[in-house]
């Protein structure tokens, strides 16, 4: 099975292509991975729908929009700033979930800002720490959610969690070098991950109060 470098190489500064592990072949020009980049718009769409349903253009809708922008930067121009925007936007989702469970009102907003700021500083100083940062914030969000979870979660939360888990499976099975990876296809597993995770996160947020 070809390696990452063989599947994702071109003549336009390969070092900038930080998304080469996401299967789609990196191309020369501003948008390195067109399918993965444009499918990032799913997060913006999910954020817009959530804002319309909740009548709030803040919190979860803004976090989803940030993920979309970060993902577009990651699969488009790439480079260190593209990776930083991508990683910070991902960290903002569990940071928001944790802060909303721990505190409400202005205090929750301040806590969210502090968590995202700390994550951004950590990711700037240690670019390779994204998985650890997101996992730590995700664990914090998960624990706080369990402590305050209702006995019967809303149907939207259950469906959303199912979509998110399905997306994780697709993402894992279609990475560069995996059996289902097709680097030149217009149907990319990572793009499907974008769609499934955007819908799943929006449903999970809508299923809880205070999004």
N, C-alpha and C. Protein backbone atom coordinates (compact mmCIF):
# COMPACT_ATOMS: atom_id res chain seq x y z
N UNK A 1 0.85 -1.20 0.00
CA UNK A 1 0.00 0.00 0.00
C UNK A 1 0.89 1.25 0.00
N UNK A 2 0.65 2.24 -0.90
CA UNK A 2 1.50 3.41 -0.97
C UNK A 2 1.48 4.20 0.32
N UNK A 3 2.58 4.87 0.61
CA UNK A 3 2.66 5.68 1.81
C UNK A 3 2.10 7.07 1.60
N UNK A 4 2.06 7.88 2.67
CA UNK A 4 1.50 9.22 2.63
C UNK A 4 2.19 10.07 1.58
N UNK A 5 3.52 10.04 1.55
CA UNK A 5 4.26 10.91 0.65
C UNK A 5 3.98 10.58 -0.80
N UNK A 6 3.85 9.26 -1.11
CA UNK A 6 3.60 8.86 -2.49
C UNK A 6 2.20 9.22 -2.94
N UNK A 7 1.22 9.04 -2.06
CA UNK A 7 -0.16 9.34 -2.42
C UNK A 7 -0.41 10.83 -2.52
N UNK A 8 0.28 11.61 -1.73
CA UNK A 8 0.00 13.03 -1.65
C UNK A 8 1.26 13.84 -1.88
N UNK A 9 1.66 13.94 -3.11
CA UNK A 9 2.82 14.73 -3.45
C UNK A 9 2.52 15.54 -4.70
N UNK A 10 3.07 16.74 -4.79
CA UNK A 10 2.96 17.56 -5.98
C UNK A 10 4.16 18.48 -6.03
N UNK A 11 4.18 19.34 -7.00
CA UNK A 11 5.35 20.20 -7.18
C UNK A 11 5.22 21.53 -6.48
N UNK A 12 4.11 21.76 -5.79
CA UNK A 12 3.86 23.06 -5.20
C UNK A 12 4.08 23.00 -3.69
N UNK A 13 5.34 23.02 -3.28
CA UNK A 13 5.69 23.05 -1.87
C UNK A 13 4.95 22.00 -1.04
N UNK A 14 5.28 20.73 -1.18
CA UNK A 14 4.58 19.69 -0.44
C UNK A 14 4.58 19.90 1.08
N UNK A 15 5.54 20.66 1.60
CA UNK A 15 5.63 20.85 3.05
C UNK A 15 4.41 21.56 3.61
N UNK A 16 3.68 22.31 2.78
CA UNK A 16 2.53 23.05 3.30
C UNK A 16 1.30 22.16 3.44
N UNK A 17 1.35 20.96 2.87
CA UNK A 17 0.16 20.13 2.82
C UNK A 17 0.02 19.31 4.10
N UNK A 18 -0.44 19.94 5.13
CA UNK A 18 -0.59 19.30 6.43
C UNK A 18 -1.72 18.28 6.44
N UNK A 19 -2.62 18.33 5.45
CA UNK A 19 -3.77 17.42 5.41
C UNK A 19 -3.51 16.19 4.57
N UNK A 20 -2.25 15.90 4.25
CA UNK A 20 -1.97 14.79 3.35
C UNK A 20 -2.36 13.44 3.94
N UNK A 21 -2.62 13.37 5.23
CA UNK A 21 -3.07 12.11 5.82
C UNK A 21 -4.55 11.85 5.63
N UNK A 22 -5.28 12.79 5.01
CA UNK A 22 -6.73 12.66 4.85
C UNK A 22 -7.12 12.14 3.47
N UNK A 23 -6.24 11.39 2.84
CA UNK A 23 -6.45 10.62 1.63
C UNK A 23 -6.43 11.44 0.34
N UNK A 24 -7.27 12.45 0.20
CA UNK A 24 -7.36 13.16 -1.08
C UNK A 24 -5.99 13.69 -1.50
N UNK A 25 -5.67 13.50 -2.77
CA UNK A 25 -4.37 13.93 -3.27
C UNK A 25 -4.24 15.45 -3.17
N UNK A 26 -3.13 15.90 -2.63
CA UNK A 26 -2.87 17.34 -2.51
C UNK A 26 -2.44 17.88 -3.87
N UNK A 27 -3.04 18.99 -4.25
CA UNK A 27 -2.79 19.59 -5.54
C UNK A 27 -2.09 20.93 -5.40
N UNK A 28 -1.51 21.40 -6.50
CA UNK A 28 -0.90 22.72 -6.51
C UNK A 28 -1.99 23.78 -6.48
N UNK A 29 -1.65 24.96 -5.98
CA UNK A 29 -2.62 26.05 -5.93
C UNK A 29 -3.11 26.34 -4.53
N UNK A 30 -4.07 27.25 -4.44
CA UNK A 30 -4.56 27.71 -3.13
C UNK A 30 -5.31 26.63 -2.38
N UNK A 31 -6.10 25.82 -3.09
CA UNK A 31 -6.89 24.77 -2.45
C UNK A 31 -6.21 23.43 -2.71
N UNK A 32 -5.56 22.90 -1.69
CA UNK A 32 -4.79 21.66 -1.86
C UNK A 32 -5.70 20.45 -2.04
N UNK A 33 -6.78 20.38 -1.28
CA UNK A 33 -7.71 19.25 -1.34
C UNK A 33 -9.12 19.79 -1.59
N UNK A 34 -9.53 19.95 -2.84
CA UNK A 34 -10.80 20.61 -3.13
C UNK A 34 -12.03 19.94 -2.51
N UNK A 35 -12.13 18.61 -2.59
CA UNK A 35 -13.32 17.93 -2.06
C UNK A 35 -13.39 18.10 -0.55
N UNK A 36 -12.28 17.84 0.12
CA UNK A 36 -12.26 17.99 1.58
C UNK A 36 -12.46 19.43 2.01
N UNK A 37 -11.91 20.36 1.24
CA UNK A 37 -12.04 21.77 1.60
C UNK A 37 -13.48 22.25 1.47
N UNK A 38 -14.10 21.99 0.31
CA UNK A 38 -15.45 22.51 0.11
C UNK A 38 -16.48 21.80 0.96
N UNK A 39 -16.23 20.55 1.31
CA UNK A 39 -17.17 19.85 2.20
C UNK A 39 -17.13 20.43 3.61
N UNK A 40 -16.09 21.21 3.92
CA UNK A 40 -16.02 21.88 5.23
C UNK A 40 -17.16 22.88 5.41
N UNK A 41 -17.76 23.30 4.29
CA UNK A 41 -18.90 24.21 4.37
C UNK A 41 -20.08 23.59 5.11
N UNK A 42 -20.07 22.25 5.26
CA UNK A 42 -21.14 21.58 6.00
C UNK A 42 -21.24 22.11 7.42
N UNK A 43 -20.10 22.46 8.03
CA UNK A 43 -20.12 23.00 9.39
C UNK A 43 -20.77 24.39 9.42
N UNK A 44 -20.49 25.19 8.40
CA UNK A 44 -21.11 26.51 8.33
C UNK A 44 -22.62 26.38 8.16
N UNK A 45 -23.03 25.43 7.30
CA UNK A 45 -24.45 25.20 7.10
C UNK A 45 -25.13 24.71 8.37
N UNK A 46 -24.47 23.77 9.07
CA UNK A 46 -25.04 23.25 10.31
C UNK A 46 -25.16 24.35 11.36
N UNK A 47 -24.15 25.22 11.43
CA UNK A 47 -24.20 26.34 12.37
C UNK A 47 -25.33 27.30 12.04
N UNK A 48 -25.54 27.55 10.74
CA UNK A 48 -26.61 28.46 10.33
C UNK A 48 -27.98 27.89 10.66
N UNK A 49 -28.17 26.58 10.39
CA UNK A 49 -29.44 25.94 10.71
C UNK A 49 -29.69 25.95 12.22
N UNK A 50 -28.65 25.66 12.99
CA UNK A 50 -28.79 25.65 14.45
C UNK A 50 -29.13 27.05 14.97
N UNK A 51 -28.50 28.07 14.39
CA UNK A 51 -28.80 29.44 14.80
C UNK A 51 -30.24 29.80 14.49
N UNK A 52 -30.73 29.35 13.33
CA UNK A 52 -32.11 29.64 12.96
C UNK A 52 -33.11 28.91 13.88
N UNK A 53 -32.76 27.70 14.28
CA UNK A 53 -33.66 26.92 15.15
C UNK A 53 -33.67 27.43 16.58
N UNK A 54 -32.53 27.92 17.05
CA UNK A 54 -32.42 28.36 18.44
C UNK A 54 -32.53 29.87 18.59
N UNK A 55 -32.52 30.59 17.45
CA UNK A 55 -32.59 32.06 17.45
C UNK A 55 -31.42 32.68 18.23
N UNK A 56 -30.25 32.01 18.12
CA UNK A 56 -29.05 32.51 18.80
C UNK A 56 -27.85 32.38 17.88
N UNK A 57 -27.23 33.50 17.55
CA UNK A 57 -26.02 33.46 16.72
C UNK A 57 -24.81 33.56 17.65
N UNK A 58 -24.67 32.57 18.49
CA UNK A 58 -23.54 32.51 19.41
C UNK A 58 -23.42 31.08 19.92
N UNK A 59 -22.46 30.84 20.78
CA UNK A 59 -22.31 29.51 21.35
C UNK A 59 -22.04 28.45 20.29
N UNK A 60 -22.87 27.41 20.28
CA UNK A 60 -22.67 26.29 19.38
C UNK A 60 -22.67 26.68 17.90
N UNK A 61 -23.59 27.55 17.44
CA UNK A 61 -23.52 27.96 16.02
C UNK A 61 -22.18 28.61 15.65
N UNK A 62 -21.66 29.45 16.53
CA UNK A 62 -20.37 30.08 16.24
C UNK A 62 -19.24 29.06 16.28
N UNK A 63 -19.31 28.11 17.20
CA UNK A 63 -18.27 27.08 17.28
C UNK A 63 -18.26 26.24 16.00
N UNK A 64 -19.44 25.88 15.49
CA UNK A 64 -19.52 25.12 14.26
C UNK A 64 -18.98 25.92 13.08
N UNK A 65 -19.32 27.20 13.04
CA UNK A 65 -18.80 28.06 11.96
C UNK A 65 -17.27 28.14 12.03
N UNK A 66 -16.74 28.21 13.25
CA UNK A 66 -15.28 28.25 13.42
C UNK A 66 -14.63 26.97 12.93
N UNK A 67 -15.27 25.83 13.21
CA UNK A 67 -14.74 24.55 12.73
C UNK A 67 -14.71 24.53 11.21
N UNK A 68 -15.77 25.06 10.58
CA UNK A 68 -15.81 25.11 9.13
C UNK A 68 -14.68 25.96 8.56
N UNK A 69 -14.47 27.13 9.16
CA UNK A 69 -13.39 28.01 8.69
C UNK A 69 -12.02 27.37 8.90
N UNK A 70 -11.84 26.75 10.06
CA UNK A 70 -10.57 26.09 10.35
C UNK A 70 -10.30 24.92 9.42
N UNK A 71 -11.35 24.15 9.13
CA UNK A 71 -11.19 23.01 8.24
C UNK A 71 -10.89 23.47 6.81
N UNK A 72 -11.53 24.55 6.38
CA UNK A 72 -11.24 25.10 5.06
C UNK A 72 -9.78 25.55 4.97
N UNK A 73 -9.29 26.19 6.02
CA UNK A 73 -7.89 26.62 6.03
C UNK A 73 -6.94 25.43 6.02
N UNK A 74 -7.32 24.38 6.71
CA UNK A 74 -6.48 23.19 6.83
C UNK A 74 -6.36 22.46 5.49
N UNK A 75 -7.49 22.28 4.80
CA UNK A 75 -7.48 21.55 3.53
C UNK A 75 -7.21 22.45 2.33
N UNK A 76 -7.19 23.76 2.57
CA UNK A 76 -6.91 24.70 1.49
C UNK A 76 -5.46 25.13 1.49
N UNK A 77 -5.18 26.34 1.96
CA UNK A 77 -3.79 26.83 1.95
C UNK A 77 -2.86 26.01 2.83
N UNK A 78 -3.39 25.44 3.93
CA UNK A 78 -2.54 24.65 4.82
C UNK A 78 -1.52 25.50 5.54
N UNK A 79 -0.35 24.94 5.77
CA UNK A 79 0.70 25.66 6.46
C UNK A 79 0.46 25.73 7.96
N UNK A 80 1.40 26.32 8.72
CA UNK A 80 1.29 26.38 10.18
C UNK A 80 0.03 27.09 10.68
N UNK A 81 -0.35 28.21 10.03
CA UNK A 81 -1.53 28.92 10.50
C UNK A 81 -2.81 28.17 10.17
N UNK A 82 -2.82 27.47 9.04
CA UNK A 82 -3.97 26.66 8.70
C UNK A 82 -4.17 25.55 9.72
N UNK A 83 -3.07 24.94 10.12
CA UNK A 83 -3.17 23.89 11.13
C UNK A 83 -3.62 24.47 12.48
N UNK A 84 -3.09 25.64 12.83
CA UNK A 84 -3.47 26.23 14.12
C UNK A 84 -4.95 26.58 14.15
N UNK A 85 -5.46 27.19 13.09
CA UNK A 85 -6.88 27.53 13.03
C UNK A 85 -7.75 26.28 13.10
N UNK A 86 -7.34 25.25 12.41
CA UNK A 86 -8.07 23.98 12.42
C UNK A 86 -8.11 23.39 13.83
N UNK A 87 -6.95 23.34 14.48
CA UNK A 87 -6.87 22.70 15.79
C UNK A 87 -7.60 23.51 16.87
N UNK A 88 -7.47 24.83 16.82
CA UNK A 88 -8.16 25.65 17.83
C UNK A 88 -9.66 25.57 17.65
N UNK A 89 -10.12 25.58 16.41
CA UNK A 89 -11.57 25.49 16.18
C UNK A 89 -12.12 24.16 16.67
N UNK A 90 -11.36 23.08 16.47
CA UNK A 90 -11.79 21.79 17.00
C UNK A 90 -11.85 21.81 18.53
N UNK A 91 -10.85 22.41 19.14
CA UNK A 91 -10.82 22.49 20.61
C UNK A 91 -11.96 23.33 21.15
N UNK A 92 -12.47 24.28 20.35
CA UNK A 92 -13.54 25.16 20.83
C UNK A 92 -14.84 24.40 21.08
N UNK A 93 -15.05 23.27 20.39
CA UNK A 93 -16.31 22.52 20.55
C UNK A 93 -16.40 21.87 21.93
N UNK A 94 -15.43 21.03 22.34
CA UNK A 94 -15.53 20.48 23.71
C UNK A 94 -15.35 21.55 24.78
N UNK A 95 -14.60 22.63 24.48
CA UNK A 95 -14.46 23.72 25.45
C UNK A 95 -15.81 24.37 25.71
N UNK A 96 -16.58 24.57 24.64
CA UNK A 96 -17.91 25.16 24.80
C UNK A 96 -18.82 24.23 25.59
N UNK A 97 -18.79 22.94 25.25
CA UNK A 97 -19.64 21.98 25.96
C UNK A 97 -19.31 21.94 27.45
N UNK A 98 -18.02 21.93 27.78
CA UNK A 98 -17.62 21.88 29.18
C UNK A 98 -18.01 23.15 29.93
N UNK A 99 -17.76 24.30 29.31
CA UNK A 99 -18.03 25.56 30.00
C UNK A 99 -19.53 25.75 30.23
N UNK A 100 -20.36 25.30 29.29
CA UNK A 100 -21.81 25.44 29.46
C UNK A 100 -22.35 24.52 30.54
N UNK A 101 -21.68 23.39 30.77
CA UNK A 101 -22.10 22.50 31.84
C UNK A 101 -21.64 23.00 33.21
N UNK A 102 -20.48 23.67 33.24
CA UNK A 102 -19.90 24.10 34.51
C UNK A 102 -20.48 25.41 35.02
N UNK A 103 -20.88 26.29 34.11
CA UNK A 103 -21.39 27.60 34.53
C UNK A 103 -22.33 28.14 33.48
N UNK A 104 -23.22 29.01 33.90
CA UNK A 104 -24.18 29.62 32.97
C UNK A 104 -23.96 31.12 32.93
N UNK A 105 -24.55 31.76 31.91
CA UNK A 105 -24.47 33.21 31.80
C UNK A 105 -23.08 33.72 31.50
N UNK A 106 -22.77 34.94 31.93
CA UNK A 106 -21.46 35.54 31.65
C UNK A 106 -20.29 34.71 32.18
N UNK A 107 -20.50 34.03 33.31
CA UNK A 107 -19.42 33.22 33.87
C UNK A 107 -19.07 32.07 32.92
N UNK A 108 -20.10 31.46 32.33
CA UNK A 108 -19.86 30.40 31.37
C UNK A 108 -19.12 30.91 30.14
N UNK A 109 -19.51 32.10 29.68
CA UNK A 109 -18.83 32.70 28.52
C UNK A 109 -17.38 33.00 28.82
N UNK A 110 -17.10 33.50 30.03
CA UNK A 110 -15.73 33.81 30.41
C UNK A 110 -14.91 32.53 30.52
N UNK A 111 -15.51 31.48 31.08
CA UNK A 111 -14.81 30.20 31.20
C UNK A 111 -14.52 29.63 29.81
N UNK A 112 -15.47 29.74 28.92
CA UNK A 112 -15.25 29.26 27.55
C UNK A 112 -14.10 30.00 26.89
N UNK A 113 -14.09 31.31 27.05
CA UNK A 113 -13.00 32.10 26.48
C UNK A 113 -11.65 31.71 27.06
N UNK A 114 -11.62 31.44 28.35
CA UNK A 114 -10.37 31.04 28.99
C UNK A 114 -9.89 29.68 28.48
N UNK A 115 -10.82 28.74 28.33
CA UNK A 115 -10.45 27.41 27.85
C UNK A 115 -9.94 27.46 26.41
N UNK A 116 -10.64 28.21 25.56
CA UNK A 116 -10.21 28.31 24.16
C UNK A 116 -8.88 29.05 24.06
N UNK A 117 -8.73 30.10 24.87
CA UNK A 117 -7.48 30.85 24.87
C UNK A 117 -6.31 29.99 25.31
N UNK A 118 -6.52 29.20 26.35
CA UNK A 118 -5.46 28.31 26.83
C UNK A 118 -5.12 27.26 25.77
N UNK A 119 -6.16 26.74 25.11
CA UNK A 119 -5.92 25.75 24.06
C UNK A 119 -5.15 26.37 22.90
N UNK A 120 -5.52 27.60 22.52
CA UNK A 120 -4.82 28.27 21.44
C UNK A 120 -3.36 28.52 21.76
N UNK A 121 -3.08 28.93 22.99
CA UNK A 121 -1.69 29.17 23.39
C UNK A 121 -0.89 27.87 23.39
N UNK A 122 -1.49 26.80 23.88
CA UNK A 122 -0.81 25.52 23.91
C UNK A 122 -0.52 25.02 22.49
N UNK A 123 -1.51 25.16 21.61
CA UNK A 123 -1.33 24.69 20.24
C UNK A 123 -0.34 25.55 19.47
N UNK A 124 -0.23 26.81 19.85
CA UNK A 124 0.74 27.68 19.18
C UNK A 124 2.16 27.31 19.61
N UNK A 125 2.34 27.01 20.88
CA UNK A 125 3.68 26.68 21.38
C UNK A 125 4.07 25.24 21.08
N UNK A 126 3.06 24.36 21.02
CA UNK A 126 3.32 22.94 20.75
C UNK A 126 2.34 22.47 19.67
N UNK A 127 2.65 22.72 18.38
CA UNK A 127 1.72 22.40 17.31
C UNK A 127 1.30 20.93 17.25
N UNK A 128 2.12 20.05 17.76
CA UNK A 128 1.80 18.63 17.68
C UNK A 128 0.92 18.13 18.81
N UNK A 129 0.41 19.04 19.64
CA UNK A 129 -0.35 18.62 20.82
C UNK A 129 -1.86 18.64 20.61
N UNK A 130 -2.32 18.76 19.36
CA UNK A 130 -3.75 18.91 19.08
C UNK A 130 -4.57 17.76 19.66
N UNK A 131 -4.12 16.52 19.41
CA UNK A 131 -4.89 15.37 19.90
C UNK A 131 -5.01 15.38 21.42
N UNK A 132 -3.93 15.72 22.11
CA UNK A 132 -3.96 15.75 23.56
C UNK A 132 -4.87 16.85 24.08
N UNK A 133 -4.81 18.03 23.44
CA UNK A 133 -5.64 19.15 23.87
C UNK A 133 -7.12 18.85 23.67
N UNK A 134 -7.47 18.37 22.47
CA UNK A 134 -8.87 18.06 22.18
C UNK A 134 -9.37 16.92 23.06
N UNK A 135 -8.53 15.91 23.28
CA UNK A 135 -8.93 14.78 24.12
C UNK A 135 -9.16 15.22 25.56
N UNK A 136 -8.29 16.10 26.07
CA UNK A 136 -8.45 16.59 27.45
C UNK A 136 -9.73 17.38 27.60
N UNK A 137 -9.98 18.30 26.67
CA UNK A 137 -11.22 19.08 26.73
C UNK A 137 -12.44 18.20 26.50
N UNK A 138 -12.29 17.21 25.62
CA UNK A 138 -13.40 16.29 25.39
C UNK A 138 -13.74 15.48 26.63
N UNK A 139 -12.70 15.04 27.35
CA UNK A 139 -12.93 14.29 28.58
C UNK A 139 -13.61 15.17 29.63
N UNK A 140 -13.17 16.43 29.72
CA UNK A 140 -13.80 17.36 30.66
C UNK A 140 -15.26 17.57 30.30
N UNK A 141 -15.53 17.74 29.01
CA UNK A 141 -16.92 17.94 28.57
C UNK A 141 -17.76 16.70 28.85
N UNK A 142 -17.17 15.52 28.59
CA UNK A 142 -17.91 14.28 28.81
C UNK A 142 -18.26 14.05 30.27
N UNK A 143 -17.30 14.30 31.15
CA UNK A 143 -17.54 14.10 32.59
C UNK A 143 -18.60 15.06 33.10
N UNK A 144 -18.47 16.33 32.73
CA UNK A 144 -19.45 17.32 33.20
C UNK A 144 -20.83 17.04 32.63
N UNK A 145 -20.90 16.56 31.39
CA UNK A 145 -22.19 16.24 30.79
C UNK A 145 -22.84 15.06 31.49
N UNK A 146 -22.04 14.05 31.84
CA UNK A 146 -22.59 12.89 32.54
C UNK A 146 -23.11 13.26 33.92
N UNK A 147 -22.40 14.17 34.59
CA UNK A 147 -22.83 14.56 35.93
C UNK A 147 -24.16 15.31 35.92
N UNK A 148 -24.45 15.99 34.82
CA UNK A 148 -25.67 16.79 34.75
C UNK A 148 -26.66 16.26 33.72
N UNK A 149 -26.42 15.05 33.22
CA UNK A 149 -27.27 14.51 32.16
C UNK A 149 -28.65 14.13 32.69
N UNK A 150 -29.70 14.39 31.91
CA UNK A 150 -31.04 13.93 32.30
C UNK A 150 -31.12 12.41 32.20
N UNK A 151 -32.12 11.83 32.84
CA UNK A 151 -32.25 10.37 32.81
C UNK A 151 -32.49 9.87 31.39
N UNK A 152 -33.25 10.62 30.62
CA UNK A 152 -33.51 10.22 29.24
C UNK A 152 -33.04 11.34 28.31
N UNK A 153 -31.96 11.15 27.60
CA UNK A 153 -31.47 12.19 26.70
C UNK A 153 -32.46 12.43 25.57
N UNK A 154 -32.45 13.64 25.03
CA UNK A 154 -33.33 13.98 23.93
C UNK A 154 -33.01 13.12 22.71
N UNK A 155 -34.04 12.87 21.90
CA UNK A 155 -33.84 12.05 20.71
C UNK A 155 -32.78 12.65 19.79
N UNK A 156 -32.76 13.99 19.71
CA UNK A 156 -31.78 14.64 18.84
C UNK A 156 -30.36 14.32 19.29
N UNK A 157 -30.15 14.23 20.60
CA UNK A 157 -28.82 13.90 21.11
C UNK A 157 -28.41 12.48 20.72
N UNK A 158 -29.35 11.55 20.82
CA UNK A 158 -29.05 10.16 20.49
C UNK A 158 -28.72 10.01 19.01
N UNK A 159 -29.55 10.64 18.16
CA UNK A 159 -29.30 10.57 16.71
C UNK A 159 -27.98 11.26 16.37
N UNK A 160 -27.75 12.42 17.01
CA UNK A 160 -26.51 13.16 16.76
C UNK A 160 -25.28 12.36 17.14
N UNK A 161 -25.34 11.70 18.29
CA UNK A 161 -24.21 10.87 18.73
C UNK A 161 -23.98 9.72 17.76
N UNK A 162 -25.07 9.14 17.24
CA UNK A 162 -24.94 8.06 16.27
C UNK A 162 -24.27 8.52 14.99
N UNK A 163 -24.66 9.71 14.49
CA UNK A 163 -24.04 10.25 13.29
C UNK A 163 -22.56 10.54 13.51
N UNK A 164 -22.26 11.07 14.69
CA UNK A 164 -20.87 11.39 15.00
C UNK A 164 -20.01 10.12 15.05
N UNK A 165 -20.53 9.07 15.67
CA UNK A 165 -19.79 7.81 15.74
C UNK A 165 -19.62 7.18 14.36
N UNK A 166 -20.67 7.28 13.54
CA UNK A 166 -20.56 6.77 12.17
C UNK A 166 -19.49 7.53 11.40
N UNK A 167 -19.45 8.84 11.62
CA UNK A 167 -18.43 9.67 10.97
C UNK A 167 -17.03 9.29 11.40
N UNK A 168 -16.84 9.00 12.67
CA UNK A 168 -15.54 8.59 13.17
C UNK A 168 -15.09 7.30 12.47
N UNK A 169 -16.04 6.37 12.28
CA UNK A 169 -15.72 5.12 11.61
C UNK A 169 -15.29 5.34 10.16
N UNK A 170 -16.03 6.21 9.45
CA UNK A 170 -15.69 6.52 8.07
C UNK A 170 -14.32 7.20 8.00
N UNK A 171 -14.11 8.16 8.90
CA UNK A 171 -12.84 8.89 8.94
C UNK A 171 -11.67 7.93 9.13
N UNK A 172 -11.80 7.00 10.05
CA UNK A 172 -10.71 6.07 10.35
C UNK A 172 -10.44 5.12 9.19
N UNK A 173 -11.50 4.70 8.50
CA UNK A 173 -11.35 3.69 7.45
C UNK A 173 -10.87 4.27 6.12
N UNK A 174 -10.87 5.59 5.99
CA UNK A 174 -10.52 6.19 4.69
C UNK A 174 -9.30 7.09 4.78
N UNK A 175 -8.49 6.94 5.82
CA UNK A 175 -7.27 7.72 5.92
C UNK A 175 -6.28 7.30 4.83
N UNK A 176 -5.29 8.14 4.57
CA UNK A 176 -4.27 7.83 3.58
C UNK A 176 -3.60 6.49 3.89
N UNK A 177 -3.53 5.63 2.87
CA UNK A 177 -2.93 4.32 3.05
C UNK A 177 -3.90 3.25 3.48
N UNK A 178 -5.12 3.62 3.89
CA UNK A 178 -6.10 2.63 4.29
C UNK A 178 -6.77 2.04 3.05
N UNK A 179 -7.42 0.90 3.23
CA UNK A 179 -7.96 0.14 2.10
C UNK A 179 -8.99 0.94 1.30
N UNK A 180 -9.79 1.77 1.97
CA UNK A 180 -10.86 2.49 1.29
C UNK A 180 -10.43 3.88 0.81
N UNK A 181 -9.18 4.18 0.91
CA UNK A 181 -8.69 5.50 0.45
C UNK A 181 -8.58 5.50 -1.07
N UNK A 182 -9.18 6.51 -1.69
CA UNK A 182 -9.09 6.71 -3.14
C UNK A 182 -8.68 8.17 -3.36
N UNK A 183 -7.37 8.43 -3.46
CA UNK A 183 -6.89 9.82 -3.45
C UNK A 183 -7.37 10.69 -4.59
N UNK A 184 -7.77 10.11 -5.73
CA UNK A 184 -8.19 10.91 -6.87
C UNK A 184 -9.70 10.91 -7.08
N UNK A 185 -10.43 10.32 -6.17
CA UNK A 185 -11.89 10.24 -6.30
C UNK A 185 -12.55 11.56 -5.90
N UNK A 186 -13.72 11.81 -6.52
CA UNK A 186 -14.52 12.97 -6.12
C UNK A 186 -15.39 12.64 -4.90
N UNK A 187 -15.38 11.39 -4.49
CA UNK A 187 -16.10 10.96 -3.29
C UNK A 187 -15.05 10.61 -2.23
N UNK A 188 -14.88 11.49 -1.27
CA UNK A 188 -13.86 11.31 -0.25
C UNK A 188 -14.50 10.98 1.10
N UNK A 189 -13.95 9.94 1.75
CA UNK A 189 -14.46 9.58 3.07
C UNK A 189 -14.32 10.70 4.07
N UNK A 190 -13.23 11.47 3.96
CA UNK A 190 -13.05 12.56 4.91
C UNK A 190 -14.11 13.64 4.71
N UNK A 191 -14.54 13.83 3.46
CA UNK A 191 -15.61 14.79 3.20
C UNK A 191 -16.92 14.30 3.84
N UNK A 192 -17.17 12.99 3.76
CA UNK A 192 -18.36 12.43 4.42
C UNK A 192 -18.27 12.61 5.93
N UNK A 193 -17.07 12.47 6.48
CA UNK A 193 -16.87 12.74 7.91
C UNK A 193 -17.27 14.17 8.25
N UNK A 194 -16.92 15.11 7.39
CA UNK A 194 -17.32 16.50 7.63
C UNK A 194 -18.83 16.62 7.72
N UNK A 195 -19.54 16.00 6.79
CA UNK A 195 -21.00 16.11 6.75
C UNK A 195 -21.63 15.43 7.96
N UNK A 196 -21.20 14.22 8.26
CA UNK A 196 -21.77 13.47 9.38
C UNK A 196 -21.48 14.14 10.72
N UNK A 197 -20.26 14.60 10.91
CA UNK A 197 -19.91 15.23 12.19
C UNK A 197 -20.60 16.58 12.34
N UNK A 198 -20.76 17.33 11.24
CA UNK A 198 -21.47 18.61 11.32
C UNK A 198 -22.91 18.40 11.74
N UNK A 199 -23.58 17.44 11.10
CA UNK A 199 -24.97 17.15 11.45
C UNK A 199 -25.07 16.60 12.87
N UNK A 200 -24.15 15.71 13.23
CA UNK A 200 -24.18 15.13 14.58
C UNK A 200 -23.98 16.16 15.67
N UNK A 201 -23.00 17.02 15.51
CA UNK A 201 -22.74 18.05 16.52
C UNK A 201 -23.90 19.03 16.64
N UNK A 202 -24.50 19.39 15.50
CA UNK A 202 -25.63 20.31 15.54
C UNK A 202 -26.81 19.69 16.27
N UNK A 203 -27.09 18.41 16.00
CA UNK A 203 -28.20 17.74 16.66
C UNK A 203 -27.94 17.59 18.16
N UNK A 204 -26.72 17.24 18.52
CA UNK A 204 -26.39 17.11 19.94
C UNK A 204 -26.52 18.43 20.67
N UNK A 205 -26.09 19.51 20.02
CA UNK A 205 -26.22 20.82 20.64
C UNK A 205 -27.68 21.23 20.77
N UNK A 206 -28.48 20.94 19.73
CA UNK A 206 -29.89 21.30 19.76
C UNK A 206 -30.65 20.50 20.80
N UNK A 207 -30.16 19.29 21.09
CA UNK A 207 -30.82 18.45 22.06
C UNK A 207 -30.60 18.85 23.50
N UNK A 208 -29.65 19.78 23.71
CA UNK A 208 -29.39 20.26 25.06
C UNK A 208 -29.83 21.71 25.19
N UNK A 209 -30.13 22.12 26.35
CA UNK A 209 -30.51 23.52 26.57
C UNK A 209 -29.26 24.38 26.66
N UNK A 210 -29.42 25.67 26.36
CA UNK A 210 -28.34 26.63 26.53
C UNK A 210 -27.29 26.59 25.47
N UNK A 211 -27.62 26.13 24.22
CA UNK A 211 -26.63 26.11 23.16
C UNK A 211 -26.35 27.52 22.66
